[in-house]
């Protein structure tokens, strides 16, 4: 396991610096029209090269990567995003980190626990598709009966372990989730995006620290600073009773303040996956 004492910096300026550095070192000179040259000793672009491409001074950019107290404007951030060939998700993440870095000293504040309204719980009990309510840091807050049958009975886990990442980092998860590694990478990127919006949240600090100590896989993925904002995707599950299921999932924001989302899994109509899902629902009704 990793011996790093801290998996998540409590200084937003350091998070911004680390994100820029990881992205700069991944970008090859030829990706931005530069000649690599025969005597390069650094991975990716040099700081001076990136500063030139973005139209900022090399000293200013160096101070950003050193985590010093700089407050880049939106124009500078957009220029850096263009120079680094950022995706829309990465650009939004960069702006979120910079916003947090502009106010590095924050009061602890009050963080109310995430709760699922009784009406949503009632809805879940009536749903014929697997459905989950997932918190902003991937905690599983509630689920439909079929979701429990499909993905394991979450109620049997301690509450603090009812987390999608925690469940998929379990040693036996490969048996039921053939694409577990790719899913863990995607979920880690989703968690990174949420943490950037509230870097001092106690649940985020607790979760990232616990997972990094427990899992070298997570620690390595977290250090990559990848970000994800998916609203839909696919999942493959090997179920012990009905076999392999290939399902689509969609995420729907819950009404009210940003936070929990409702994730619903479905199968293509008249497909073998739909038949297996119906079979599982039938087995659930007899248990």
C-alpha atoms as a PDB file:
ATOM      1  CA  UNK A   1       0.000   0.000   0.000  1.00  0.00           C
ATOM      2  CA  UNK A   2       1.019   3.593  -0.498  1.00  0.00           C
ATOM      3  CA  UNK A   3       3.033   5.203   2.285  1.00  0.00           C
ATOM      4  CA  UNK A   4       2.095   8.761   1.325  1.00  0.00           C
ATOM      5  CA  UNK A   5       0.802  10.538   4.443  1.00  0.00           C
ATOM      6  CA  UNK A   6      -1.556  12.791   2.474  1.00  0.00           C
ATOM      7  CA  UNK A   7      -3.447  11.805  -0.671  1.00  0.00           C
ATOM      8  CA  UNK A   8      -5.173  15.139  -1.100  1.00  0.00           C
ATOM      9  CA  UNK A   9      -3.581  18.516  -0.548  1.00  0.00           C
ATOM     10  CA  UNK A  10      -5.442  20.903   1.742  1.00  0.00           C
ATOM     11  CA  UNK A  11      -4.030  23.836  -0.253  1.00  0.00           C
ATOM     12  CA  UNK A  12      -6.063  24.615  -3.413  1.00  0.00           C
ATOM     13  CA  UNK A  13      -3.010  26.316  -4.904  1.00  0.00           C
ATOM     14  CA  UNK A  14      -1.122  23.032  -4.720  1.00  0.00           C
ATOM     15  CA  UNK A  15      -3.991  21.191  -6.392  1.00  0.00           C
ATOM     16  CA  UNK A  16      -3.934  23.730  -9.229  1.00  0.00           C
ATOM     17  CA  UNK A  17      -0.153  23.417  -9.553  1.00  0.00           C
ATOM     18  CA  UNK A  18      -0.249  19.615  -9.635  1.00  0.00           C
ATOM     19  CA  UNK A  19      -3.015  19.575 -12.241  1.00  0.00           C
ATOM     20  CA  UNK A  20      -1.102  21.908 -14.562  1.00  0.00           C
ATOM     21  CA  UNK A  21       2.130  19.973 -14.145  1.00  0.00           C
ATOM     22  CA  UNK A  22       0.594  16.581 -14.887  1.00  0.00           C
ATOM     23  CA  UNK A  23      -1.068  17.947 -18.014  1.00  0.00           C
ATOM     24  CA  UNK A  24       2.073  19.742 -19.232  1.00  0.00           C
ATOM     25  CA  UNK A  25       4.269  16.666 -18.864  1.00  0.00           C
ATOM     26  CA  UNK A  26       1.805  14.543 -20.850  1.00  0.00           C
ATOM     27  CA  UNK A  27       1.709  16.835 -23.868  1.00  0.00           C
ATOM     28  CA  UNK A  28       4.395  16.057 -26.449  1.00  0.00           C
ATOM     29  CA  UNK A  29       6.078  18.911 -28.367  1.00  0.00           C
ATOM     30  CA  UNK A  30       4.889  17.498 -31.703  1.00  0.00           C
ATOM     31  CA  UNK A  31       1.300  17.600 -30.413  1.00  0.00           C
ATOM     32  CA  UNK A  32       1.451  21.406 -30.500  1.00  0.00           C
ATOM     33  CA  UNK A  33       3.592  21.836 -33.590  1.00  0.00           C
ATOM     34  CA  UNK A  34       7.002  22.056 -31.895  1.00  0.00           C
ATOM     35  CA  UNK A  35      10.134  20.178 -32.893  1.00  0.00           C
ATOM     36  CA  UNK A  36      11.065  17.735 -30.112  1.00  0.00           C
ATOM     37  CA  UNK A  37      14.794  18.280 -30.620  1.00  0.00           C
ATOM     38  CA  UNK A  38      17.575  15.745 -29.969  1.00  0.00           C
ATOM     39  CA  UNK A  39      18.491  16.679 -26.381  1.00  0.00           C
ATOM     40  CA  UNK A  40      15.250  16.899 -24.434  1.00  0.00           C
ATOM     41  CA  UNK A  41      15.596  15.826 -20.811  1.00  0.00           C
ATOM     42  CA  UNK A  42      12.060  16.455 -19.608  1.00  0.00           C
ATOM     43  CA  UNK A  43       8.824  14.612 -20.289  1.00  0.00           C
ATOM     44  CA  UNK A  44       6.305  16.600 -22.259  1.00  0.00           C
ATOM     45  CA  UNK A  45       6.535  20.344 -22.775  1.00  0.00           C
ATOM     46  CA  UNK A  46       8.943  22.594 -20.945  1.00  0.00           C
ATOM     47  CA  UNK A  47       7.433  25.302 -18.779  1.00  0.00           C
ATOM     48  CA  UNK A  48       8.908  27.941 -21.059  1.00  0.00           C
ATOM     49  CA  UNK A  49       7.327  26.333 -24.124  1.00  0.00           C
ATOM     50  CA  UNK A  50       3.886  26.204 -22.539  1.00  0.00           C
ATOM     51  CA  UNK A  51       4.172  29.798 -21.361  1.00  0.00           C
ATOM     52  CA  UNK A  52       5.070  30.874 -24.900  1.00  0.00           C
ATOM     53  CA  UNK A  53       2.125  28.986 -26.395  1.00  0.00           C
ATOM     54  CA  UNK A  54      -0.270  30.501 -23.846  1.00  0.00           C
ATOM     55  CA  UNK A  55       1.108  34.026 -24.187  1.00  0.00           C
ATOM     56  CA  UNK A  56       2.113  34.424 -20.537  1.00  0.00           C
ATOM     57  CA  UNK A  57       5.513  35.063 -19.014  1.00  0.00           C
ATOM     58  CA  UNK A  58       7.602  32.027 -18.099  1.00  0.00           C
ATOM     59  CA  UNK A  59       8.098  33.418 -14.577  1.00  0.00           C
ATOM     60  CA  UNK A  60       4.345  33.814 -14.036  1.00  0.00           C
ATOM     61  CA  UNK A  61       3.617  30.273 -15.193  1.00  0.00           C
ATOM     62  CA  UNK A  62       6.455  28.883 -13.074  1.00  0.00           C
ATOM     63  CA  UNK A  63       4.940  30.508  -9.995  1.00  0.00           C
ATOM     64  CA  UNK A  64       1.614  28.822 -10.829  1.00  0.00           C
ATOM     65  CA  UNK A  65       3.272  25.392 -10.969  1.00  0.00           C
ATOM     66  CA  UNK A  66       5.086  26.124  -7.709  1.00  0.00           C
ATOM     67  CA  UNK A  67       1.771  26.693  -5.944  1.00  0.00           C
ATOM     68  CA  UNK A  68       2.558  30.292  -5.131  1.00  0.00           C
ATOM     69  CA  UNK A  69      -0.044  32.973  -4.532  1.00  0.00           C
ATOM     70  CA  UNK A  70      -0.993  33.882  -8.090  1.00  0.00           C
ATOM     71  CA  UNK A  71      -4.524  34.658  -9.197  1.00  0.00           C
ATOM     72  CA  UNK A  72      -4.810  34.037 -12.932  1.00  0.00           C
ATOM     73  CA  UNK A  73      -7.613  35.725 -14.806  1.00  0.00           C
ATOM     74  CA  UNK A  74     -10.173  33.806 -16.819  1.00  0.00           C
ATOM     75  CA  UNK A  75      -8.359  34.928 -19.980  1.00  0.00           C
ATOM     76  CA  UNK A  76      -5.072  33.421 -18.759  1.00  0.00           C
ATOM     77  CA  UNK A  77      -6.827  30.196 -17.778  1.00  0.00           C
ATOM     78  CA  UNK A  78      -8.501  29.959 -21.191  1.00  0.00           C
ATOM     79  CA  UNK A  79      -5.153  30.534 -22.898  1.00  0.00           C
ATOM     80  CA  UNK A  80      -3.531  27.772 -20.844  1.00  0.00           C
ATOM     81  CA  UNK A  81      -6.429  25.433 -21.613  1.00  0.00           C
ATOM     82  CA  UNK A  82      -6.018  26.054 -25.354  1.00  0.00           C
ATOM     83  CA  UNK A  83      -2.258  25.562 -25.189  1.00  0.00           C
ATOM     84  CA  UNK A  84      -2.694  22.288 -23.308  1.00  0.00           C
ATOM     85  CA  UNK A  85      -5.421  21.028 -25.689  1.00  0.00           C
ATOM     86  CA  UNK A  86      -7.864  20.675 -22.798  1.00  0.00           C
ATOM     87  CA  UNK A  87     -11.230  19.050 -23.180  1.00  0.00           C
ATOM     88  CA  UNK A  88     -14.298  20.949 -22.017  1.00  0.00           C
ATOM     89  CA  UNK A  89     -14.245  18.929 -18.779  1.00  0.00           C
ATOM     90  CA  UNK A  90     -10.587  19.754 -18.131  1.00  0.00           C
ATOM     91  CA  UNK A  91     -11.198  23.443 -18.834  1.00  0.00           C
ATOM     92  CA  UNK A  92     -14.052  23.573 -16.324  1.00  0.00           C
ATOM     93  CA  UNK A  93     -11.876  21.765 -13.804  1.00  0.00           C
ATOM     94  CA  UNK A  94      -9.055  24.269 -14.319  1.00  0.00           C
ATOM     95  CA  UNK A  95     -11.411  27.176 -13.642  1.00  0.00           C
ATOM     96  CA  UNK A  96     -12.782  25.434 -10.525  1.00  0.00           C
ATOM     97  CA  UNK A  97      -9.286  24.908  -9.134  1.00  0.00           C
ATOM     98  CA  UNK A  98      -8.320  28.503  -9.863  1.00  0.00           C
ATOM     99  CA  UNK A  99     -11.464  29.793  -8.158  1.00  0.00           C
ATOM    100  CA  UNK A 100     -10.606  27.788  -5.044  1.00  0.00           C
ATOM    101  CA  UNK A 101      -6.976  28.958  -5.189  1.00  0.00           C
ATOM    102  CA  UNK A 102      -8.055  32.603  -5.171  1.00  0.00           C
ATOM    103  CA  UNK A 103      -9.430  32.102  -1.643  1.00  0.00           C
ATOM    104  CA  UNK A 104      -6.937  29.656  -0.082  1.00  0.00           C
ATOM    105  CA  UNK A 105      -7.997  30.308   3.507  1.00  0.00           C
ATOM    106  CA  UNK A 106     -11.495  29.046   4.117  1.00  0.00           C
ATOM    107  CA  UNK A 107     -13.571  28.684   7.235  1.00  0.00           C
ATOM    108  CA  UNK A 108     -14.576  25.085   7.944  1.00  0.00           C
ATOM    109  CA  UNK A 109     -18.254  25.845   7.420  1.00  0.00           C
ATOM    110  CA  UNK A 110     -21.158  23.518   8.043  1.00  0.00           C
ATOM    111  CA  UNK A 111     -21.656  20.510   5.791  1.00  0.00           C
ATOM    112  CA  UNK A 112     -25.100  19.019   6.134  1.00  0.00           C
ATOM    113  CA  UNK A 113     -25.345  15.275   5.448  1.00  0.00           C
ATOM    114  CA  UNK A 114     -26.757  14.267   2.092  1.00  0.00           C
ATOM    115  CA  UNK A 115     -30.287  12.971   2.447  1.00  0.00           C
ATOM    116  CA  UNK A 116     -32.768  11.352   0.092  1.00  0.00           C
ATOM    117  CA  UNK A 117     -36.316  12.770   0.249  1.00  0.00           C
ATOM    118  CA  UNK A 118     -39.055  10.331   1.321  1.00  0.00           C
ATOM    119  CA  UNK A 119     -40.769  10.825  -2.039  1.00  0.00           C
ATOM    120  CA  UNK A 120     -37.626   9.638  -3.836  1.00  0.00           C
ATOM    121  CA  UNK A 121     -37.410   6.594  -1.565  1.00  0.00           C
ATOM    122  CA  UNK A 122     -41.022   5.851  -2.445  1.00  0.00           C
ATOM    123  CA  UNK A 123     -40.178   6.170  -6.133  1.00  0.00           C
ATOM    124  CA  UNK A 124     -37.261   3.744  -5.824  1.00  0.00           C
ATOM    125  CA  UNK A 125     -39.484   1.104  -4.227  1.00  0.00           C
ATOM    126  CA  UNK A 126     -41.796   1.201  -7.255  1.00  0.00           C
ATOM    127  CA  UNK A 127     -39.149   1.233 -10.001  1.00  0.00           C
ATOM    128  CA  UNK A 128     -38.802  -1.818 -12.254  1.00  0.00           C
ATOM    129  CA  UNK A 129     -35.270  -0.849 -13.364  1.00  0.00           C
ATOM    130  CA  UNK A 130     -32.109  -0.887 -11.264  1.00  0.00           C
ATOM    131  CA  UNK A 131     -31.725   2.615  -9.834  1.00  0.00           C
ATOM    132  CA  UNK A 132     -29.368   4.247  -7.345  1.00  0.00           C
ATOM    133  CA  UNK A 133     -29.150   7.599  -5.642  1.00  0.00           C
ATOM    134  CA  UNK A 134     -25.455   8.477  -5.503  1.00  0.00           C
ATOM    135  CA  UNK A 135     -24.013  11.372  -3.515  1.00  0.00           C
ATOM    136  CA  UNK A 136     -21.561  13.922  -4.844  1.00  0.00           C
ATOM    137  CA  UNK A 137     -18.608  11.861  -3.563  1.00  0.00           C
ATOM    138  CA  UNK A 138     -20.013   8.579  -4.940  1.00  0.00           C
ATOM    139  CA  UNK A 139     -21.628   7.404  -1.708  1.00  0.00           C
ATOM    140  CA  UNK A 140     -24.614   5.132  -2.363  1.00  0.00           C
ATOM    141  CA  UNK A 141     -27.462   6.799  -0.476  1.00  0.00           C
ATOM    142  CA  UNK A 142     -30.439   4.706  -1.628  1.00  0.00           C
ATOM    143  CA  UNK A 143     -31.322   2.082  -4.213  1.00  0.00           C
ATOM    144  CA  UNK A 144     -34.197   0.203  -5.764  1.00  0.00           C
ATOM    145  CA  UNK A 145     -34.756  -3.468  -4.891  1.00  0.00           C
ATOM    146  CA  UNK A 146     -33.559  -4.577  -8.330  1.00  0.00           C
ATOM    147  CA  UNK A 147     -30.377  -2.515  -7.988  1.00  0.00           C
ATOM    148  CA  UNK A 148     -29.676  -4.303  -4.730  1.00  0.00           C
ATOM    149  CA  UNK A 149     -30.150  -7.665  -6.447  1.00  0.00           C
ATOM    150  CA  UNK A 150     -27.987  -6.616  -9.394  1.00  0.00           C
ATOM    151  CA  UNK A 151     -25.046  -4.993  -7.654  1.00  0.00           C
ATOM    152  CA  UNK A 152     -25.076  -6.615  -4.235  1.00  0.00           C
ATOM    153  CA  UNK A 153     -27.090  -5.824  -1.164  1.00  0.00           C
ATOM    154  CA  UNK A 154     -25.670  -2.482  -0.080  1.00  0.00           C
ATOM    155  CA  UNK A 155     -27.477  -2.672   3.239  1.00  0.00           C
ATOM    156  CA  UNK A 156     -25.126  -5.475   4.282  1.00  0.00           C
ATOM    157  CA  UNK A 157     -22.160  -3.081   4.024  1.00  0.00           C
ATOM    158  CA  UNK A 158     -21.298  -0.625   6.803  1.00  0.00           C
ATOM    159  CA  UNK A 159     -22.663   2.783   5.886  1.00  0.00           C
ATOM    160  CA  UNK A 160     -19.213   4.332   5.489  1.00  0.00           C
ATOM    161  CA  UNK A 161     -18.340   1.638   2.911  1.00  0.00           C
ATOM    162  CA  UNK A 162     -21.438   2.165   0.751  1.00  0.00           C
ATOM    163  CA  UNK A 163     -19.396   3.958  -1.862  1.00  0.00           C
ATOM    164  CA  UNK A 164     -19.068   3.000  -5.528  1.00  0.00           C
ATOM    165  CA  UNK A 165     -15.285   3.374  -5.548  1.00  0.00           C
ATOM    166  CA  UNK A 166     -14.872   1.549  -2.274  1.00  0.00           C
ATOM    167  CA  UNK A 167     -16.983  -1.359  -3.543  1.00  0.00           C
ATOM    168  CA  UNK A 168     -15.111  -1.646  -6.849  1.00  0.00           C
ATOM    169  CA  UNK A 169     -11.702  -1.514  -5.175  1.00  0.00           C
ATOM    170  CA  UNK A 170     -12.599  -4.667  -3.268  1.00  0.00           C
ATOM    171  CA  UNK A 171     -10.330  -7.629  -4.228  1.00  0.00           C
ATOM    172  CA  UNK A 172     -13.298  -9.731  -5.435  1.00  0.00           C
ATOM    173  CA  UNK A 173     -14.885  -7.025  -7.592  1.00  0.00           C
ATOM    174  CA  UNK A 174     -13.200  -8.315 -10.779  1.00  0.00           C
ATOM    175  CA  UNK A 175     -15.407 -11.404 -10.639  1.00  0.00           C
ATOM    176  CA  UNK A 176     -18.634  -9.447 -11.004  1.00  0.00           C
ATOM    177  CA  UNK A 177     -17.380  -6.412 -12.962  1.00  0.00           C
ATOM    178  CA  UNK A 178     -15.210  -7.485 -15.936  1.00  0.00           C
ATOM    179  CA  UNK A 179     -14.414  -3.858 -16.786  1.00  0.00           C
ATOM    180  CA  UNK A 180     -13.695  -2.951 -13.183  1.00  0.00           C
ATOM    181  CA  UNK A 181     -10.351  -1.218 -13.833  1.00  0.00           C
ATOM    182  CA  UNK A 182     -11.798   1.120 -16.470  1.00  0.00           C
ATOM    183  CA  UNK A 183     -14.793   1.852 -14.254  1.00  0.00           C
ATOM    184  CA  UNK A 184     -12.556   2.643 -11.275  1.00  0.00           C
ATOM    185  CA  UNK A 185     -10.548   5.062 -13.435  1.00  0.00           C
ATOM    186  CA  UNK A 186     -13.729   6.792 -14.591  1.00  0.00           C
ATOM    187  CA  UNK A 187     -15.119   7.031 -11.050  1.00  0.00           C
ATOM    188  CA  UNK A 188     -11.828   8.421  -9.763  1.00  0.00           C
ATOM    189  CA  UNK A 189     -12.036  11.166 -12.397  1.00  0.00           C
ATOM    190  CA  UNK A 190     -15.611  11.893 -11.335  1.00  0.00           C
ATOM    191  CA  UNK A 191     -14.532  12.133  -7.693  1.00  0.00           C
ATOM    192  CA  UNK A 192     -11.675  14.476  -8.614  1.00  0.00           C
ATOM    193  CA  UNK A 193     -14.150  16.786 -10.366  1.00  0.00           C
ATOM    194  CA  UNK A 194     -16.436  16.906  -7.330  1.00  0.00           C
ATOM    195  CA  UNK A 195     -13.584  17.470  -4.887  1.00  0.00           C
ATOM    196  CA  UNK A 196     -12.411  20.508  -6.879  1.00  0.00           C
ATOM    197  CA  UNK A 197     -15.752  22.200  -6.219  1.00  0.00           C
ATOM    198  CA  UNK A 198     -15.346  21.823  -2.438  1.00  0.00           C
ATOM    199  CA  UNK A 199     -11.759  20.765  -1.620  1.00  0.00           C
ATOM    200  CA  UNK A 200     -12.133  21.037   2.142  1.00  0.00           C
ATOM    201  CA  UNK A 201     -15.265  18.926   2.500  1.00  0.00           C
ATOM    202  CA  UNK A 202     -14.730  16.486   5.409  1.00  0.00           C
ATOM    203  CA  UNK A 203     -16.231  13.537   3.526  1.00  0.00           C
ATOM    204  CA  UNK A 204     -13.945  14.150   0.535  1.00  0.00           C
ATOM    205  CA  UNK A 205     -10.849  14.360   2.724  1.00  0.00           C
ATOM    206  CA  UNK A 206     -11.839  11.231   4.656  1.00  0.00           C
ATOM    207  CA  UNK A 207     -12.690   9.185   1.559  1.00  0.00           C
ATOM    208  CA  UNK A 208      -9.637  10.092  -0.521  1.00  0.00           C
ATOM    209  CA  UNK A 209      -7.301   9.498   2.397  1.00  0.00           C
ATOM    210  CA  UNK A 210      -8.854   6.125   3.233  1.00  0.00           C
ATOM    211  CA  UNK A 211      -8.838   4.880  -0.360  1.00  0.00           C
ATOM    212  CA  UNK A 212      -5.271   6.025  -1.011  1.00  0.00           C
ATOM    213  CA  UNK A 213      -3.972   4.175   2.037  1.00  0.00           C
ATOM    214  CA  UNK A 214      -5.978   1.065   1.216  1.00  0.00           C
ATOM    215  CA  UNK A 215      -5.388   0.879  -2.550  1.00  0.00           C
ATOM    216  CA  UNK A 216      -2.235   1.497  -4.587  1.00  0.00           C
ATOM    217  CA  UNK A 217      -4.460   1.435  -7.674  1.00  0.00           C
ATOM    218  CA  UNK A 218      -6.519   4.365  -6.448  1.00  0.00           C
ATOM    219  CA  UNK A 219      -3.442   6.293  -5.260  1.00  0.00           C
ATOM    220  CA  UNK A 220      -1.868   6.018  -8.718  1.00  0.00           C
ATOM    221  CA  UNK A 221      -5.078   7.099 -10.462  1.00  0.00           C
ATOM    222  CA  UNK A 222      -5.589  10.004  -8.062  1.00  0.00           C
ATOM    223  CA  UNK A 223      -2.065  11.252  -8.765  1.00  0.00           C
ATOM    224  CA  UNK A 224      -2.896  11.489 -12.481  1.00  0.00           C
ATOM    225  CA  UNK A 225      -5.400  14.320 -11.851  1.00  0.00           C
ATOM    226  CA  UNK A 226      -7.797  13.023 -14.512  1.00  0.00           C
ATOM    227  CA  UNK A 227     -11.293  14.500 -14.483  1.00  0.00           C
ATOM    228  CA  UNK A 228     -14.583  13.059 -15.737  1.00  0.00           C
ATOM    229  CA  UNK A 229     -18.129  14.412 -15.947  1.00  0.00           C
ATOM    230  CA  UNK A 230     -20.091  11.591 -17.578  1.00  0.00           C
ATOM    231  CA  UNK A 231     -23.872  11.685 -17.585  1.00  0.00           C
ATOM    232  CA  UNK A 232     -24.341   8.313 -19.265  1.00  0.00           C
ATOM    233  CA  UNK A 233     -22.382   5.167 -20.013  1.00  0.00           C
ATOM    234  CA  UNK A 234     -22.361   1.389 -20.184  1.00  0.00           C
ATOM    235  CA  UNK A 235     -21.733  -1.268 -17.568  1.00  0.00           C
ATOM    236  CA  UNK A 236     -21.146  -4.996 -17.718  1.00  0.00           C
ATOM    237  CA  UNK A 237     -22.001  -7.225 -14.778  1.00  0.00           C
ATOM    238  CA  UNK A 238     -21.443 -10.950 -14.284  1.00  0.00           C
ATOM    239  CA  UNK A 239     -24.323 -11.947 -12.049  1.00  0.00           C
ATOM    240  CA  UNK A 240     -24.100 -15.329 -10.251  1.00  0.00           C
ATOM    241  CA  UNK A 241     -27.785 -16.129 -10.918  1.00  0.00           C
ATOM    242  CA  UNK A 242     -28.522 -14.856 -14.432  1.00  0.00           C
ATOM    243  CA  UNK A 243     -25.110 -14.481 -16.092  1.00  0.00           C
ATOM    244  CA  UNK A 244     -23.679 -11.532 -17.982  1.00  0.00           C
ATOM    245  CA  UNK A 245     -25.672  -8.313 -18.264  1.00  0.00           C
ATOM    246  CA  UNK A 246     -24.762  -5.403 -20.556  1.00  0.00           C
ATOM    247  CA  UNK A 247     -26.659  -2.313 -19.438  1.00  0.00           C
ATOM    248  CA  UNK A 248     -26.801   1.390 -20.209  1.00  0.00           C
ATOM    249  CA  UNK A 249     -26.908   3.923 -17.403  1.00  0.00           C
ATOM    250  CA  UNK A 250     -28.025   7.541 -17.275  1.00  0.00           C
ATOM    251  CA  UNK A 251     -27.551  10.050 -14.449  1.00  0.00           C
ATOM    252  CA  UNK A 252     -30.278  12.548 -13.595  1.00  0.00           C
ATOM    253  CA  UNK A 253     -29.659  15.439 -11.169  1.00  0.00           C
ATOM    254  CA  UNK A 254     -31.938  15.411  -8.166  1.00  0.00           C
ATOM    255  CA  UNK A 255     -34.187  18.461  -7.609  1.00  0.00           C
ATOM    256  CA  UNK A 256     -32.740  21.141  -5.364  1.00  0.00           C
ATOM    257  CA  UNK A 257     -29.109  22.006  -4.622  1.00  0.00           C
ATOM    258  CA  UNK A 258     -26.322  20.337  -6.629  1.00  0.00           C
ATOM    259  CA  UNK A 259     -25.338  17.043  -5.098  1.00  0.00           C
ATOM    260  CA  UNK A 260     -26.940  13.600  -5.338  1.00  0.00           C
ATOM    261  CA  UNK A 261     -27.935  12.156  -8.707  1.00  0.00           C
ATOM    262  CA  UNK A 262     -30.340   9.389  -9.671  1.00  0.00           C
ATOM    263  CA  UNK A 263     -28.644   6.708 -11.791  1.00  0.00           C
ATOM    264  CA  UNK A 264     -30.939   4.390 -13.748  1.00  0.00           C
ATOM    265  CA  UNK A 265     -29.773   1.265 -15.573  1.00  0.00           C
ATOM    266  CA  UNK A 266     -31.664  -0.112 -18.581  1.00  0.00           C
ATOM    267  CA  UNK A 267     -31.259  -2.800 -21.239  1.00  0.00           C
ATOM    268  CA  UNK A 268     -32.126  -2.593 -24.930  1.00  0.00           C
ATOM    269  CA  UNK A 269     -35.676  -3.761 -25.573  1.00  0.00           C
ATOM    270  CA  UNK A 270     -36.146  -7.397 -26.595  1.00  0.00           C
ATOM    271  CA  UNK A 271     -32.454  -8.100 -26.020  1.00  0.00           C
ATOM    272  CA  UNK A 272     -30.948 -11.050 -24.109  1.00  0.00           C
ATOM    273  CA  UNK A 273     -29.863  -8.535 -21.477  1.00  0.00           C
ATOM    274  CA  UNK A 274     -33.467  -7.377 -21.024  1.00  0.00           C
ATOM    275  CA  UNK A 275     -34.560 -10.999 -20.629  1.00  0.00           C
ATOM    276  CA  UNK A 276     -31.882 -11.650 -18.004  1.00  0.00           C
ATOM    277  CA  UNK A 277     -32.828  -8.483 -16.154  1.00  0.00           C
ATOM    278  CA  UNK A 278     -36.470  -9.599 -16.174  1.00  0.00           C
ATOM    279  CA  UNK A 279     -35.396 -13.008 -14.921  1.00  0.00           C
ATOM    280  CA  UNK A 280     -33.500 -11.387 -12.069  1.00  0.00           C
ATOM    281  CA  UNK A 281     -36.556  -9.328 -11.186  1.00  0.00           C
ATOM    282  CA  UNK A 282     -38.600 -12.533 -11.108  1.00  0.00           C
ATOM    283  CA  UNK A 283     -36.068 -14.223  -8.833  1.00  0.00           C
ATOM    284  CA  UNK A 284     -36.156 -11.187  -6.581  1.00  0.00           C
ATOM    285  CA  UNK A 285     -39.905 -11.535  -6.239  1.00  0.00           C
ATOM    286  CA  UNK A 286     -39.632 -15.145  -5.073  1.00  0.00           C
ATOM    287  CA  UNK A 287     -36.983 -14.456  -2.418  1.00  0.00           C
END
